[in-house]
Structure formats: C-alpha cells, structure tokens
Amino acid sequence: MFTVTAWNNGGSGYGLRVAREDRARFFRRAWRTVTVALPNGRGVAAVNLTSTFWTTCPELRSASIGAWLRQNRMDTWPSGQPPTFTLLPTGRASFRLRR
C-alpha cells in the first residue's frame, strides 16, 4: 500500500501521481497497462503506462480517473495541495484506489 496524489496537466487531463520510489517498488517495466479499481464500485480504469512514466512523468493518466475526481468534486485544489489517496496492489498489474 502506498500514497498517491491527484494530478492535473493544467487542462482536461487527470490522473494519479506516483512517487518515484513507489513506482520502482510496485510497478514493473514489462507492464504496458495497469488497472485501477475506483472506490465505491465506480468502475475500473485501464491505464497505459507510457515510456515517460519511467522517466519524467510518473502519473497514472486516465479519463476514468478524471471523471471519478470530477464526480467526487476533487478535480480542483489549492496550488501545491492535491488530494491524497492510497493505492493498494491487488494482483499482477492491478490496484485498488482508496480515499
């Protein structure tokens, strides 16, 4: 289990930012996609891991995650204070998001 923060690209792109040390510990370079089960049975987000996930952009970017953040009114936040969540590994390349 590890902490992630909400992420926004300054526009319509949303996701979850993973700390570099957690990326190294919980993710495998061989994975091309991961799944994230959203809280309260709100669905599962399939997330493509881009090559930049491993270098400069450690975010799990997904329209489904963005929709969930908007539905729960967590899509805006004061500068430098994004909402935090817990991501729980549940199997190979799969995780469950907790508030």
PDB file of N, CA and C in Angstrom:
ATOM      1  N   MET A   1       0.848  -1.163   0.000  1.00  0.00           N
ATOM      2  CA  MET A   1       0.000   0.000   0.000  1.00  0.00           C
ATOM      3  C   MET A   1       0.902   1.237   0.000  1.00  0.00           C
ATOM      4  N   PHE A   2       0.500   2.255  -0.789  1.00  0.00           N
ATOM      5  CA  PHE A   2       1.292   3.469  -0.863  1.00  0.00           C
ATOM      6  C   PHE A   2       0.386   4.656  -1.194  1.00  0.00           C
ATOM      7  N   THR A   3       0.911   5.854  -0.962  1.00  0.00           N
ATOM      8  CA  THR A   3       0.143   7.080  -1.161  1.00  0.00           C
ATOM      9  C   THR A   3       0.388   7.634  -2.556  1.00  0.00           C
ATOM     10  N   VAL A   4      -0.687   8.104  -3.189  1.00  0.00           N
ATOM     11  CA  VAL A   4      -0.612   8.797  -4.474  1.00  0.00           C
ATOM     12  C   VAL A   4      -1.362  10.117  -4.324  1.00  0.00           C
ATOM     13  N   THR A   5      -1.105  11.047  -5.232  1.00  0.00           N
ATOM     14  CA  THR A   5      -1.810  12.330  -5.201  1.00  0.00           C
ATOM     15  C   THR A   5      -2.536  12.541  -6.527  1.00  0.00           C
ATOM     16  N   ALA A   6      -3.596  13.314  -6.480  1.00  0.00           N
ATOM     17  CA  ALA A   6      -4.295  13.683  -7.707  1.00  0.00           C
ATOM     18  C   ALA A   6      -3.342  14.507  -8.564  1.00  0.00           C
ATOM     19  N   TRP A   7      -3.520  14.401  -9.883  1.00  0.00           N
ATOM     20  CA  TRP A   7      -2.672  15.122 -10.832  1.00  0.00           C
ATOM     21  C   TRP A   7      -3.549  15.727 -11.916  1.00  0.00           C
ATOM     22  N   ASN A   8      -3.170  16.916 -12.362  1.00  0.00           N
ATOM     23  CA  ASN A   8      -3.849  17.570 -13.483  1.00  0.00           C
ATOM     24  C   ASN A   8      -2.789  18.251 -14.334  1.00  0.00           C
ATOM     25  N   ASN A   9      -2.952  18.189 -15.644  1.00  0.00           N
ATOM     26  CA  ASN A   9      -1.970  18.788 -16.545  1.00  0.00           C
ATOM     27  C   ASN A   9      -2.220  20.272 -16.805  1.00  0.00           C
ATOM     28  N   GLY A  10      -3.116  20.871 -16.045  1.00  0.00           N
ATOM     29  CA  GLY A  10      -3.448  22.269 -16.246  1.00  0.00           C
ATOM     30  C   GLY A  10      -4.623  22.449 -17.196  1.00  0.00           C
ATOM     31  N   GLY A  11      -5.168  21.338 -17.656  1.00  0.00           N
ATOM     32  CA  GLY A  11      -6.312  21.367 -18.570  1.00  0.00           C
ATOM     33  C   GLY A  11      -7.273  20.251 -18.220  1.00  0.00           C
ATOM     34  N   SER A  12      -7.603  19.435 -19.217  1.00  0.00           N
ATOM     35  CA  SER A  12      -8.594  18.379 -19.005  1.00  0.00           C
ATOM     36  C   SER A  12      -7.976  17.031 -18.640  1.00  0.00           C
ATOM     37  N   GLY A  13      -6.655  16.937 -18.580  1.00  0.00           N
ATOM     38  CA  GLY A  13      -6.002  15.668 -18.244  1.00  0.00           C
ATOM     39  C   GLY A  13      -5.864  15.464 -16.750  1.00  0.00           C
ATOM     40  N   TYR A  14      -6.301  14.282 -16.273  1.00  0.00           N
ATOM     41  CA  TYR A  14      -6.239  13.959 -14.850  1.00  0.00           C
ATOM     42  C   TYR A  14      -5.619  12.592 -14.646  1.00  0.00           C
ATOM     43  N   GLY A  15      -5.151  12.379 -13.433  1.00  0.00           N
ATOM     44  CA  GLY A  15      -4.596  11.087 -13.084  1.00  0.00           C
ATOM     45  C   GLY A  15      -4.135  11.072 -11.643  1.00  0.00           C
ATOM     46  N   LEU A  16      -3.244  10.140 -11.364  1.00  0.00           N
ATOM     47  CA  LEU A  16      -2.686   9.961 -10.031  1.00  0.00           C
ATOM     48  C   LEU A  16      -1.168   9.966 -10.140  1.00  0.00           C
ATOM     49  N   ARG A  17      -0.521  10.788  -9.349  1.00  0.00           N
ATOM     50  CA  ARG A  17       0.946  10.860  -9.366  1.00  0.00           C
ATOM     51  C   ARG A  17       1.509   9.853  -8.358  1.00  0.00           C
ATOM     52  N   VAL A  18       2.465   9.083  -8.829  1.00  0.00           N
ATOM     53  CA  VAL A  18       3.128   8.047  -8.033  1.00  0.00           C
ATOM     54  C   VAL A  18       4.532   8.537  -7.690  1.00  0.00           C
ATOM     55  N   ALA A  19       4.918   8.426  -6.430  1.00  0.00           N
ATOM     56  CA  ALA A  19       6.278   8.793  -6.041  1.00  0.00           C
ATOM     57  C   ALA A  19       7.270   7.852  -6.730  1.00  0.00           C
ATOM     58  N   ARG A  20       8.419   8.373  -7.085  1.00  0.00           N
ATOM     59  CA  ARG A  20       9.410   7.578  -7.816  1.00  0.00           C
ATOM     60  C   ARG A  20       9.801   6.293  -7.071  1.00  0.00           C
ATOM     61  N   GLU A  21       9.961   6.392  -5.768  1.00  0.00           N
ATOM     62  CA  GLU A  21      10.340   5.184  -5.012  1.00  0.00           C
ATOM     63  C   GLU A  21       9.216   4.144  -5.018  1.00  0.00           C
ATOM     64  N   ASP A  22       7.972   4.578  -5.001  1.00  0.00           N
ATOM     65  CA  ASP A  22       6.839   3.645  -5.080  1.00  0.00           C
ATOM     66  C   ASP A  22       6.709   3.073  -6.492  1.00  0.00           C
ATOM     67  N   ARG A  23       6.996   3.887  -7.488  1.00  0.00           N
ATOM     68  CA  ARG A  23       6.997   3.393  -8.864  1.00  0.00           C
ATOM     69  C   ARG A  23       7.993   2.242  -8.995  1.00  0.00           C
ATOM     70  N   ALA A  24       9.186   2.425  -8.453  1.00  0.00           N
ATOM     71  CA  ALA A  24      10.211   1.381  -8.539  1.00  0.00           C
ATOM     72  C   ALA A  24       9.822   0.137  -7.749  1.00  0.00           C
ATOM     73  N   ARG A  25       9.137   0.320  -6.647  1.00  0.00           N
ATOM     74  CA  ARG A  25       8.790  -0.810  -5.774  1.00  0.00           C
ATOM     75  C   ARG A  25       7.566  -1.594  -6.242  1.00  0.00           C
ATOM     76  N   PHE A  26       6.547  -0.914  -6.777  1.00  0.00           N
ATOM     77  CA  PHE A  26       5.265  -1.566  -7.043  1.00  0.00           C
ATOM     78  C   PHE A  26       4.925  -1.782  -8.519  1.00  0.00           C
ATOM     79  N   PHE A  27       5.724  -1.225  -9.427  1.00  0.00           N
ATOM     80  CA  PHE A  27       5.437  -1.341 -10.858  1.00  0.00           C
ATOM     81  C   PHE A  27       6.579  -2.070 -11.560  1.00  0.00           C
ATOM     82  N   ARG A  28       6.274  -2.721 -12.665  1.00  0.00           N
ATOM     83  CA  ARG A  28       7.267  -3.457 -13.449  1.00  0.00           C
ATOM     84  C   ARG A  28       7.365  -2.839 -14.836  1.00  0.00           C
ATOM     85  N   ARG A  29       8.573  -2.690 -15.324  1.00  0.00           N
ATOM     86  CA  ARG A  29       8.778  -2.102 -16.655  1.00  0.00           C
ATOM     87  C   ARG A  29       8.128  -2.925 -17.759  1.00  0.00           C
ATOM     88  N   ALA A  30       7.942  -4.196 -17.540  1.00  0.00           N
ATOM     89  CA  ALA A  30       7.319  -5.056 -18.560  1.00  0.00           C
ATOM     90  C   ALA A  30       5.825  -4.770 -18.725  1.00  0.00           C
ATOM     91  N   TRP A  31       5.209  -4.141 -17.742  1.00  0.00           N
ATOM     92  CA  TRP A  31       3.782  -3.841 -17.834  1.00  0.00           C
ATOM     93  C   TRP A  31       3.546  -2.713 -18.820  1.00  0.00           C
ATOM     94  N   ARG A  32       2.609  -2.897 -19.721  1.00  0.00           N
ATOM     95  CA  ARG A  32       2.202  -1.847 -20.655  1.00  0.00           C
ATOM     96  C   ARG A  32       0.962  -1.122 -20.142  1.00  0.00           C
ATOM     97  N   THR A  33       0.137  -1.837 -19.377  1.00  0.00           N
ATOM     98  CA  THR A  33      -1.067  -1.251 -18.785  1.00  0.00           C
ATOM     99  C   THR A  33      -1.220  -1.767 -17.361  1.00  0.00           C
ATOM    100  N   VAL A  34      -1.937  -1.007 -16.555  1.00  0.00           N
ATOM    101  CA  VAL A  34      -2.355  -1.441 -15.228  1.00  0.00           C
ATOM    102  C   VAL A  34      -3.835  -1.123 -15.089  1.00  0.00           C
ATOM    103  N   THR A  35      -4.493  -1.766 -14.146  1.00  0.00           N
ATOM    104  CA  THR A  35      -5.879  -1.439 -13.848  1.00  0.00           C
ATOM    105  C   THR A  35      -5.964  -0.864 -12.447  1.00  0.00           C
ATOM    106  N   VAL A  36      -6.857   0.102 -12.300  1.00  0.00           N
ATOM    107  CA  VAL A  36      -7.087   0.745 -11.008  1.00  0.00           C
ATOM    108  C   VAL A  36      -8.578   0.667 -10.725  1.00  0.00           C
ATOM    109  N   ALA A  37      -8.957  -0.110  -9.704  1.00  0.00           N
ATOM    110  CA  ALA A  37     -10.355  -0.184  -9.282  1.00  0.00           C
ATOM    111  C   ALA A  37     -10.664   1.077  -8.482  1.00  0.00           C
ATOM    112  N   LEU A  38     -11.684   1.799  -8.909  1.00  0.00           N
ATOM    113  CA  LEU A  38     -12.051   3.052  -8.263  1.00  0.00           C
ATOM    114  C   LEU A  38     -12.926   2.789  -7.037  1.00  0.00           C
ATOM    115  N   PRO A  39     -12.907   3.681  -6.049  1.00  0.00           N
ATOM    116  CA  PRO A  39     -13.668   3.476  -4.811  1.00  0.00           C
ATOM    117  C   PRO A  39     -15.176   3.355  -5.048  1.00  0.00           C
ATOM    118  N   ASN A  40     -15.813   2.675  -4.125  1.00  0.00           N
ATOM    119  CA  ASN A  40     -17.272   2.555  -4.082  1.00  0.00           C
ATOM    120  C   ASN A  40     -17.867   1.928  -5.340  1.00  0.00           C
ATOM    121  N   GLY A  41     -17.139   0.976  -5.934  1.00  0.00           N
ATOM    122  CA  GLY A  41     -17.655   0.277  -7.099  1.00  0.00           C
ATOM    123  C   GLY A  41     -17.876   1.163  -8.306  1.00  0.00           C
ATOM    124  N   ARG A  42     -17.115   2.229  -8.436  1.00  0.00           N
ATOM    125  CA  ARG A  42     -17.287   3.190  -9.536  1.00  0.00           C
ATOM    126  C   ARG A  42     -16.588   2.758 -10.825  1.00  0.00           C
ATOM    127  N   GLY A  43     -16.165   1.514 -10.894  1.00  0.00           N
ATOM    128  CA  GLY A  43     -15.560   1.019 -12.122  1.00  0.00           C
ATOM    129  C   GLY A  43     -14.081   0.770 -11.995  1.00  0.00           C
ATOM    130  N   VAL A  44     -13.508   0.398 -13.123  1.00  0.00           N
ATOM    131  CA  VAL A  44     -12.082   0.098 -13.194  1.00  0.00           C
ATOM    132  C   VAL A  44     -11.486   0.918 -14.327  1.00  0.00           C
ATOM    133  N   ALA A  45     -10.397   1.599 -14.027  1.00  0.00           N
ATOM    134  CA  ALA A  45      -9.693   2.382 -15.036  1.00  0.00           C
ATOM    135  C   ALA A  45      -8.549   1.547 -15.589  1.00  0.00           C
ATOM    136  N   ALA A  46      -8.506   1.394 -16.903  1.00  0.00           N
ATOM    137  CA  ALA A  46      -7.360   0.777 -17.571  1.00  0.00           C
ATOM    138  C   ALA A  46      -6.402   1.908 -17.928  1.00  0.00           C
ATOM    139  N   VAL A  47      -5.174   1.820 -17.458  1.00  0.00           N
ATOM    140  CA  VAL A  47      -4.213   2.904 -17.605  1.00  0.00           C
ATOM    141  C   VAL A  47      -2.996   2.416 -18.395  1.00  0.00           C
ATOM    142  N   ASN A  48      -2.708   3.085 -19.498  1.00  0.00           N
ATOM    143  CA  ASN A  48      -1.498   2.782 -20.257  1.00  0.00           C
ATOM    144  C   ASN A  48      -0.306   3.411 -19.560  1.00  0.00           C
ATOM    145  N   LEU A  49       0.764   2.636 -19.412  1.00  0.00           N
ATOM    146  CA  LEU A  49       1.999   3.173 -18.847  1.00  0.00           C
ATOM    147  C   LEU A  49       2.876   3.618 -20.014  1.00  0.00           C
ATOM    148  N   THR A  50       3.046   4.928 -20.135  1.00  0.00           N
ATOM    149  CA  THR A  50       3.851   5.471 -21.217  1.00  0.00           C
ATOM    150  C   THR A  50       5.336   5.335 -20.888  1.00  0.00           C
ATOM    151  N   SER A  51       6.167   5.527 -21.880  1.00  0.00           N
ATOM    152  CA  SER A  51       7.616   5.463 -21.627  1.00  0.00           C
ATOM    153  C   SER A  51       8.037   6.551 -20.649  1.00  0.00           C
ATOM    154  N   THR A  52       7.353   7.700 -20.664  1.00  0.00           N
ATOM    155  CA  THR A  52       7.719   8.774 -19.737  1.00  0.00           C
ATOM    156  C   THR A  52       7.286   8.498 -18.298  1.00  0.00           C
ATOM    157  N   PHE A  53       6.410   7.512 -18.109  1.00  0.00           N
ATOM    158  CA  PHE A  53       6.074   7.101 -16.734  1.00  0.00           C
ATOM    159  C   PHE A  53       7.353   6.714 -15.993  1.00  0.00           C
ATOM    160  N   TRP A  54       8.295   6.141 -16.701  1.00  0.00           N
ATOM    161  CA  TRP A  54       9.544   5.651 -16.102  1.00  0.00           C
ATOM    162  C   TRP A  54      10.627   6.709 -16.034  1.00  0.00           C
ATOM    163  N   THR A  55      10.382   7.888 -16.584  1.00  0.00           N
ATOM    164  CA  THR A  55      11.420   8.923 -16.564  1.00  0.00           C
ATOM    165  C   THR A  55      10.920  10.191 -15.877  1.00  0.00           C
ATOM    166  N   THR A  56      10.167  11.005 -16.597  1.00  0.00           N
ATOM    167  CA  THR A  56       9.825  12.340 -16.094  1.00  0.00           C
ATOM    168  C   THR A  56       8.374  12.531 -15.673  1.00  0.00           C
ATOM    169  N   CYS A  57       7.483  11.580 -15.995  1.00  0.00           N
ATOM    170  CA  CYS A  57       6.048  11.771 -15.746  1.00  0.00           C
ATOM    171  C   CYS A  57       5.443  10.553 -15.048  1.00  0.00           C
ATOM    172  N   PRO A  58       5.663  10.418 -13.743  1.00  0.00           N
ATOM    173  CA  PRO A  58       5.190   9.225 -13.034  1.00  0.00           C
ATOM    174  C   PRO A  58       3.705   9.297 -12.648  1.00  0.00           C
ATOM    175  N   GLU A  59       2.850   9.551 -13.667  1.00  0.00           N
ATOM    176  CA  GLU A  59       1.415   9.639 -13.406  1.00  0.00           C
ATOM    177  C   GLU A  59       0.666   8.503 -14.089  1.00  0.00           C
ATOM    178  N   LEU A  60      -0.383   8.072 -13.407  1.00  0.00           N
ATOM    179  CA  LEU A  60      -1.342   7.136 -13.994  1.00  0.00           C
ATOM    180  C   LEU A  60      -2.444   8.008 -14.576  1.00  0.00           C
ATOM    181  N   ARG A  61      -2.410   8.239 -15.878  1.00  0.00           N
ATOM    182  CA  ARG A  61      -3.327   9.167 -16.547  1.00  0.00           C
ATOM    183  C   ARG A  61      -4.498   8.407 -17.145  1.00  0.00           C
ATOM    184  N   SER A  62      -5.708   8.894 -16.846  1.00  0.00           N
ATOM    185  CA  SER A  62      -6.895   8.178 -17.311  1.00  0.00           C
ATOM    186  C   SER A  62      -8.118   9.084 -17.296  1.00  0.00           C
ATOM    187  N   ALA A  63      -8.912   9.004 -18.372  1.00  0.00           N
ATOM    188  CA  ALA A  63     -10.181   9.739 -18.413  1.00  0.00           C
ATOM    189  C   ALA A  63     -11.121   9.232 -17.321  1.00  0.00           C
ATOM    190  N   SER A  64     -11.069   7.934 -17.028  1.00  0.00           N
ATOM    191  CA  SER A  64     -11.932   7.366 -15.974  1.00  0.00           C
ATOM    192  C   SER A  64     -11.569   7.924 -14.606  1.00  0.00           C
ATOM    193  N   ILE A  65     -10.282   8.061 -14.343  1.00  0.00           N
ATOM    194  CA  ILE A  65      -9.853   8.640 -13.064  1.00  0.00           C
ATOM    195  C   ILE A  65     -10.282  10.109 -13.006  1.00  0.00           C
ATOM    196  N   GLY A  66     -10.128  10.835 -14.113  1.00  0.00           N
ATOM    197  CA  GLY A  66     -10.570  12.224 -14.165  1.00  0.00           C
ATOM    198  C   GLY A  66     -12.060  12.364 -13.922  1.00  0.00           C
ATOM    199  N   ALA A  67     -12.856  11.472 -14.527  1.00  0.00           N
ATOM    200  CA  ALA A  67     -14.310  11.511 -14.323  1.00  0.00           C
ATOM    201  C   ALA A  67     -14.643  11.245 -12.858  1.00  0.00           C
ATOM    202  N   TRP A  68     -13.961  10.294 -12.256  1.00  0.00           N
ATOM    203  CA  TRP A  68     -14.200   9.981 -10.844  1.00  0.00           C
ATOM    204  C   TRP A  68     -13.834  11.186  -9.957  1.00  0.00           C
ATOM    205  N   LEU A  69     -12.698  11.827 -10.237  1.00  0.00           N
ATOM    206  CA  LEU A  69     -12.317  13.012  -9.465  1.00  0.00           C
ATOM    207  C   LEU A  69     -13.374  14.113  -9.605  1.00  0.00           C
ATOM    208  N   ARG A  70     -13.868  14.340 -10.829  1.00  0.00           N
ATOM    209  CA  ARG A  70     -14.897  15.375 -11.037  1.00  0.00           C
ATOM    210  C   ARG A  70     -16.193  15.005 -10.312  1.00  0.00           C
ATOM    211  N   GLN A  71     -16.635  13.758 -10.418  1.00  0.00           N
ATOM    212  CA  GLN A  71     -17.875  13.322  -9.767  1.00  0.00           C
ATOM    213  C   GLN A  71     -17.816  13.508  -8.259  1.00  0.00           C
ATOM    214  N   ASN A  72     -16.617  13.377  -7.698  1.00  0.00           N
ATOM    215  CA  ASN A  72     -16.449  13.499  -6.252  1.00  0.00           C
ATOM    216  C   ASN A  72     -15.923  14.869  -5.830  1.00  0.00           C
ATOM    217  N   ARG A  73     -15.972  15.814  -6.771  1.00  0.00           N
ATOM    218  CA  ARG A  73     -15.565  17.198  -6.516  1.00  0.00           C
ATOM    219  C   ARG A  73     -14.144  17.305  -5.953  1.00  0.00           C
ATOM    220  N   MET A  74     -13.264  16.503  -6.525  1.00  0.00           N
ATOM    221  CA  MET A  74     -11.857  16.539  -6.128  1.00  0.00           C
ATOM    222  C   MET A  74     -10.975  16.897  -7.321  1.00  0.00           C
ATOM    223  N   ASP A  75     -11.547  17.586  -8.294  1.00  0.00           N
ATOM    224  CA  ASP A  75     -10.823  17.911  -9.520  1.00  0.00           C
ATOM    225  C   ASP A  75     -10.152  19.282  -9.496  1.00  0.00           C
ATOM    226  N   THR A  76     -10.349  20.030  -8.435  1.00  0.00           N
ATOM    227  CA  THR A  76      -9.630  21.287  -8.237  1.00  0.00           C
ATOM    228  C   THR A  76      -9.103  21.312  -6.815  1.00  0.00           C
ATOM    229  N   TRP A  77      -7.989  21.991  -6.651  1.00  0.00           N
ATOM    230  CA  TRP A  77      -7.373  22.065  -5.330  1.00  0.00           C
ATOM    231  C   TRP A  77      -6.451  23.278  -5.289  1.00  0.00           C
ATOM    232  N   PRO A  78      -6.160  23.766  -4.068  1.00  0.00           N
ATOM    233  CA  PRO A  78      -5.221  24.886  -3.944  1.00  0.00           C
ATOM    234  C   PRO A  78      -3.848  24.479  -4.485  1.00  0.00           C
ATOM    235  N   SER A  79      -3.125  25.433  -5.011  1.00  0.00           N
ATOM    236  CA  SER A  79      -1.801  25.167  -5.567  1.00  0.00           C
ATOM    237  C   SER A  79      -0.921  24.413  -4.570  1.00  0.00           C
ATOM    238  N   GLY A  80      -0.356  23.298  -5.034  1.00  0.00           N
ATOM    239  CA  GLY A  80       0.541  22.505  -4.202  1.00  0.00           C
ATOM    240  C   GLY A  80      -0.135  21.627  -3.172  1.00  0.00           C
ATOM    241  N   GLN A  81      -1.479  21.523  -3.207  1.00  0.00           N
ATOM    242  CA  GLN A  81      -2.201  20.746  -2.204  1.00  0.00           C
ATOM    243  C   GLN A  81      -3.211  19.788  -2.836  1.00  0.00           C
ATOM    244  N   PRO A  82      -2.749  18.904  -3.714  1.00  0.00           N
ATOM    245  CA  PRO A  82      -3.691  17.964  -4.332  1.00  0.00           C
ATOM    246  C   PRO A  82      -4.224  16.962  -3.314  1.00  0.00           C
ATOM    247  N   PRO A  83      -5.410  16.425  -3.564  1.00  0.00           N
ATOM    248  CA  PRO A  83      -5.929  15.371  -2.681  1.00  0.00           C
ATOM    249  C   PRO A  83      -4.991  14.160  -2.705  1.00  0.00           C
ATOM    250  N   THR A  84      -4.924  13.472  -1.581  1.00  0.00           N
ATOM    251  CA  THR A  84      -4.104  12.257  -1.492  1.00  0.00           C
ATOM    252  C   THR A  84      -5.005  11.039  -1.316  1.00  0.00           C
ATOM    253  N   PHE A  85      -4.506   9.914  -1.801  1.00  0.00           N
ATOM    254  CA  PHE A  85      -5.230   8.652  -1.761  1.00  0.00           C
ATOM    255  C   PHE A  85      -4.242   7.532  -1.471  1.00  0.00           C
ATOM    256  N   THR A  86      -4.785   6.360  -1.212  1.00  0.00           N
ATOM    257  CA  THR A  86      -3.973   5.170  -1.033  1.00  0.00           C
ATOM    258  C   THR A  86      -4.211   4.251  -2.220  1.00  0.00           C
ATOM    259  N   LEU A  87      -3.132   3.682  -2.741  1.00  0.00           N
ATOM    260  CA  LEU A  87      -3.228   2.713  -3.822  1.00  0.00           C
ATOM    261  C   LEU A  87      -2.742   1.370  -3.279  1.00  0.00           C
ATOM    262  N   LEU A  88      -3.597   0.390  -3.367  1.00  0.00           N
ATOM    263  CA  LEU A  88      -3.325  -0.932  -2.811  1.00  0.00           C
ATOM    264  C   LEU A  88      -3.103  -1.927  -3.942  1.00  0.00           C
ATOM    265  N   PRO A  89      -1.918  -2.556  -4.031  1.00  0.00           N
ATOM    266  CA  PRO A  89      -1.726  -3.599  -5.039  1.00  0.00           C
ATOM    267  C   PRO A  89      -2.662  -4.774  -4.753  1.00  0.00           C
ATOM    268  N   THR A  90      -3.353  -5.252  -5.790  1.00  0.00           N
ATOM    269  CA  THR A  90      -4.307  -6.355  -5.604  1.00  0.00           C
ATOM    270  C   THR A  90      -3.974  -7.561  -6.468  1.00  0.00           C
ATOM    271  N   GLY A  91      -2.925  -7.482  -7.223  1.00  0.00           N
ATOM    272  CA  GLY A  91      -2.524  -8.577  -8.098  1.00  0.00           C
ATOM    273  C   GLY A  91      -1.559  -8.063  -9.134  1.00  0.00           C
ATOM    274  N   ARG A  92      -1.258  -8.896 -10.106  1.00  0.00           N
ATOM    275  CA  ARG A  92      -0.315  -8.500 -11.149  1.00  0.00           C
ATOM    276  C   ARG A  92      -0.903  -7.338 -11.964  1.00  0.00           C
ATOM    277  N   ALA A  93      -0.239  -6.199 -11.904  1.00  0.00           N
ATOM    278  CA  ALA A  93      -0.615  -5.001 -12.653  1.00  0.00           C
ATOM    279  C   ALA A  93      -2.020  -4.505 -12.322  1.00  0.00           C
ATOM    280  N   SER A  94      -2.467  -4.741 -11.096  1.00  0.00           N
ATOM    281  CA  SER A  94      -3.785  -4.241 -10.700  1.00  0.00           C
ATOM    282  C   SER A  94      -3.719  -3.640  -9.296  1.00  0.00           C
ATOM    283  N   PHE A  95      -4.517  -2.602  -9.116  1.00  0.00           N
ATOM    284  CA  PHE A  95      -4.514  -1.829  -7.880  1.00  0.00           C
ATOM    285  C   PHE A  95      -5.937  -1.426  -7.525  1.00  0.00           C
ATOM    286  N   ARG A  96      -6.142  -1.073  -6.243  1.00  0.00           N
ATOM    287  CA  ARG A  96      -7.423  -0.538  -5.781  1.00  0.00           C
ATOM    288  C   ARG A  96      -7.140   0.809  -5.140  1.00  0.00           C
ATOM    289  N   LEU A  97      -7.908   1.815  -5.564  1.00  0.00           N
ATOM    290  CA  LEU A  97      -7.767   3.156  -5.040  1.00  0.00           C
ATOM    291  C   LEU A  97      -8.669   3.332  -3.824  1.00  0.00           C
ATOM    292  N   ARG A  98      -8.122   3.916  -2.774  1.00  0.00           N
ATOM    293  CA  ARG A  98      -8.893   4.201  -1.549  1.00  0.00           C
ATOM    294  C   ARG A  98      -8.759   5.676  -1.230  1.00  0.00           C
ATOM    295  N   ARG A  99      -9.867   6.239  -0.744  1.00  0.00           N
ATOM    296  CA  ARG A  99      -9.880   7.651  -0.336  1.00  0.00           C
ATOM    297  C   ARG A  99      -9.227   7.808   1.004  1.00  0.00           C
TER     298      ARG A  99
END
